[in-house]
């Protein structure tokens, strides 16, 4: 069975939406993600602009301004809900990991 689009987010998706809690353009997003993750996650322009188009089509972000080729975006309520759902999903995974390791330590 196919997953619903954006049911879970990839790392680039997660960080793009996270950055768009504040209005910014593509170059800002790439720089913020690199800084936030200390270079662990790098989003190239092809990936970024494809995801921005998909997010905009899905009404998870909206374009806020256009100045020449520079476009700025901001997360919508729908995007915030998806970001929050992904954050909660990751918390559950982390808790499951901790629980499993704790149980394993208790086993003979």
C-alpha atoms as a PDB file:
ATOM      1  CA  UNK A   1       0.000   0.000   0.000  1.00  0.00           C
ATOM      2  CA  UNK A   2       1.387   3.388  -0.981  1.00  0.00           C
ATOM      3  CA  UNK A   3       2.105   5.973   1.693  1.00  0.00           C
ATOM      4  CA  UNK A   4       0.169   9.201   1.651  1.00  0.00           C
ATOM      5  CA  UNK A   5       2.319  12.057   0.391  1.00  0.00           C
ATOM      6  CA  UNK A   6       4.188  13.788   3.243  1.00  0.00           C
ATOM      7  CA  UNK A   7       2.925  11.243   5.808  1.00  0.00           C
ATOM      8  CA  UNK A   8       6.524  11.061   6.962  1.00  0.00           C
ATOM      9  CA  UNK A   9       9.186  13.603   6.115  1.00  0.00           C
ATOM     10  CA  UNK A  10      12.726  13.068   4.926  1.00  0.00           C
ATOM     11  CA  UNK A  11      15.476  15.030   6.662  1.00  0.00           C
ATOM     12  CA  UNK A  12      15.557  17.687   3.917  1.00  0.00           C
ATOM     13  CA  UNK A  13      11.759  18.047   4.104  1.00  0.00           C
ATOM     14  CA  UNK A  14      11.844  18.363   7.888  1.00  0.00           C
ATOM     15  CA  UNK A  15      14.569  21.003   7.885  1.00  0.00           C
ATOM     16  CA  UNK A  16      13.022  23.022   5.050  1.00  0.00           C
ATOM     17  CA  UNK A  17       9.708  23.251   6.896  1.00  0.00           C
ATOM     18  CA  UNK A  18      11.515  24.018  10.143  1.00  0.00           C
ATOM     19  CA  UNK A  19      13.390  26.901   8.500  1.00  0.00           C
ATOM     20  CA  UNK A  20      10.195  28.242   6.967  1.00  0.00           C
ATOM     21  CA  UNK A  21       8.720  28.986  10.374  1.00  0.00           C
ATOM     22  CA  UNK A  22      10.403  32.293   9.497  1.00  0.00           C
ATOM     23  CA  UNK A  23      10.112  33.819   6.045  1.00  0.00           C
ATOM     24  CA  UNK A  24      13.143  33.083   3.898  1.00  0.00           C
ATOM     25  CA  UNK A  25      14.310  32.399   0.367  1.00  0.00           C
ATOM     26  CA  UNK A  26      15.982  29.291  -1.041  1.00  0.00           C
ATOM     27  CA  UNK A  27      19.545  30.463  -0.440  1.00  0.00           C
ATOM     28  CA  UNK A  28      18.640  31.286   3.170  1.00  0.00           C
ATOM     29  CA  UNK A  29      17.126  27.826   3.657  1.00  0.00           C
ATOM     30  CA  UNK A  30      20.224  26.052   2.355  1.00  0.00           C
ATOM     31  CA  UNK A  31      22.486  28.149   4.610  1.00  0.00           C
ATOM     32  CA  UNK A  32      20.265  27.721   7.687  1.00  0.00           C
ATOM     33  CA  UNK A  33      20.018  23.952   7.283  1.00  0.00           C
ATOM     34  CA  UNK A  34      23.791  23.632   6.891  1.00  0.00           C
ATOM     35  CA  UNK A  35      24.373  25.822   9.964  1.00  0.00           C
ATOM     36  CA  UNK A  36      21.702  24.158  12.092  1.00  0.00           C
ATOM     37  CA  UNK A  37      22.984  20.654  11.339  1.00  0.00           C
ATOM     38  CA  UNK A  38      26.650  21.698  11.403  1.00  0.00           C
ATOM     39  CA  UNK A  39      26.983  20.487   7.816  1.00  0.00           C
ATOM     40  CA  UNK A  40      25.491  17.040   8.468  1.00  0.00           C
ATOM     41  CA  UNK A  41      22.545  17.792   6.165  1.00  0.00           C
ATOM     42  CA  UNK A  42      23.173  19.550   2.887  1.00  0.00           C
ATOM     43  CA  UNK A  43      20.306  20.422   0.577  1.00  0.00           C
ATOM     44  CA  UNK A  44      21.208  21.110  -3.032  1.00  0.00           C
ATOM     45  CA  UNK A  45      19.276  23.533  -5.213  1.00  0.00           C
ATOM     46  CA  UNK A  46      17.587  20.786  -7.268  1.00  0.00           C
ATOM     47  CA  UNK A  47      16.242  19.025  -4.186  1.00  0.00           C
ATOM     48  CA  UNK A  48      15.306  22.295  -2.511  1.00  0.00           C
ATOM     49  CA  UNK A  49      13.332  23.784  -5.380  1.00  0.00           C
ATOM     50  CA  UNK A  50      11.564  20.500  -6.178  1.00  0.00           C
ATOM     51  CA  UNK A  51      10.480  20.233  -2.538  1.00  0.00           C
ATOM     52  CA  UNK A  52       9.439  23.889  -2.395  1.00  0.00           C
ATOM     53  CA  UNK A  53       7.249  23.315  -5.472  1.00  0.00           C
ATOM     54  CA  UNK A  54       5.736  20.179  -3.926  1.00  0.00           C
ATOM     55  CA  UNK A  55       5.146  21.883  -0.582  1.00  0.00           C
ATOM     56  CA  UNK A  56       3.548  24.855  -2.314  1.00  0.00           C
ATOM     57  CA  UNK A  57       1.300  22.603  -4.427  1.00  0.00           C
ATOM     58  CA  UNK A  58       0.254  20.791  -1.249  1.00  0.00           C
ATOM     59  CA  UNK A  59      -0.413  24.131   0.494  1.00  0.00           C
ATOM     60  CA  UNK A  60       2.166  23.400   3.193  1.00  0.00           C
ATOM     61  CA  UNK A  61       4.017  26.617   2.378  1.00  0.00           C
ATOM     62  CA  UNK A  62       3.099  29.809   0.607  1.00  0.00           C
ATOM     63  CA  UNK A  63       5.126  32.212  -1.468  1.00  0.00           C
ATOM     64  CA  UNK A  64       5.373  35.555   0.320  1.00  0.00           C
ATOM     65  CA  UNK A  65       7.380  37.698  -2.073  1.00  0.00           C
ATOM     66  CA  UNK A  66       9.121  37.718  -5.425  1.00  0.00           C
ATOM     67  CA  UNK A  67      11.987  40.055  -6.263  1.00  0.00           C
ATOM     68  CA  UNK A  68      13.496  39.170  -9.622  1.00  0.00           C
ATOM     69  CA  UNK A  69      14.488  35.517  -9.324  1.00  0.00           C
ATOM     70  CA  UNK A  70      14.433  35.591  -5.515  1.00  0.00           C
ATOM     71  CA  UNK A  71      11.316  34.050  -4.003  1.00  0.00           C
ATOM     72  CA  UNK A  72      10.540  33.914  -0.313  1.00  0.00           C
ATOM     73  CA  UNK A  73       8.296  31.429   1.460  1.00  0.00           C
ATOM     74  CA  UNK A  74       6.589  30.846   4.778  1.00  0.00           C
ATOM     75  CA  UNK A  75       5.078  27.722   6.333  1.00  0.00           C
ATOM     76  CA  UNK A  76       1.266  27.469   6.485  1.00  0.00           C
ATOM     77  CA  UNK A  77      -0.908  25.941   9.207  1.00  0.00           C
ATOM     78  CA  UNK A  78      -1.017  22.713   7.181  1.00  0.00           C
ATOM     79  CA  UNK A  79       2.788  22.684   6.973  1.00  0.00           C
ATOM     80  CA  UNK A  80       3.092  23.406  10.702  1.00  0.00           C
ATOM     81  CA  UNK A  81       0.789  20.459  11.434  1.00  0.00           C
ATOM     82  CA  UNK A  82       2.920  18.156   9.248  1.00  0.00           C
ATOM     83  CA  UNK A  83       6.134  19.374  10.906  1.00  0.00           C
ATOM     84  CA  UNK A  84       4.659  18.862  14.376  1.00  0.00           C
ATOM     85  CA  UNK A  85       3.383  15.379  13.446  1.00  0.00           C
ATOM     86  CA  UNK A  86       6.843  14.427  12.212  1.00  0.00           C
ATOM     87  CA  UNK A  87       8.433  15.775  15.401  1.00  0.00           C
ATOM     88  CA  UNK A  88       6.041  13.670  17.506  1.00  0.00           C
ATOM     89  CA  UNK A  89       6.737  10.606  15.327  1.00  0.00           C
ATOM     90  CA  UNK A  90      10.475  11.030  15.856  1.00  0.00           C
ATOM     91  CA  UNK A  91       9.966  11.375  19.602  1.00  0.00           C
ATOM     92  CA  UNK A  92       8.056   8.064  19.652  1.00  0.00           C
ATOM     93  CA  UNK A  93      10.861   6.375  17.711  1.00  0.00           C
ATOM     94  CA  UNK A  94      13.427   7.733  20.150  1.00  0.00           C
ATOM     95  CA  UNK A  95      11.400   6.572  23.135  1.00  0.00           C
ATOM     96  CA  UNK A  96      10.994   3.116  21.584  1.00  0.00           C
ATOM     97  CA  UNK A  97      14.776   2.971  21.119  1.00  0.00           C
ATOM     98  CA  UNK A  98      15.378   3.888  24.752  1.00  0.00           C
ATOM     99  CA  UNK A  99      12.772   1.433  25.986  1.00  0.00           C
ATOM    100  CA  UNK A 100      14.190  -1.377  23.874  1.00  0.00           C
ATOM    101  CA  UNK A 101      17.751  -0.741  25.023  1.00  0.00           C
ATOM    102  CA  UNK A 102      16.623  -0.519  28.637  1.00  0.00           C
ATOM    103  CA  UNK A 103      14.787  -3.848  28.358  1.00  0.00           C
ATOM    104  CA  UNK A 104      17.768  -5.454  26.650  1.00  0.00           C
ATOM    105  CA  UNK A 105      20.029  -4.431  29.509  1.00  0.00           C
ATOM    106  CA  UNK A 106      17.667  -6.074  31.987  1.00  0.00           C
ATOM    107  CA  UNK A 107      17.649  -9.414  30.130  1.00  0.00           C
ATOM    108  CA  UNK A 108      20.167 -12.111  31.172  1.00  0.00           C
END
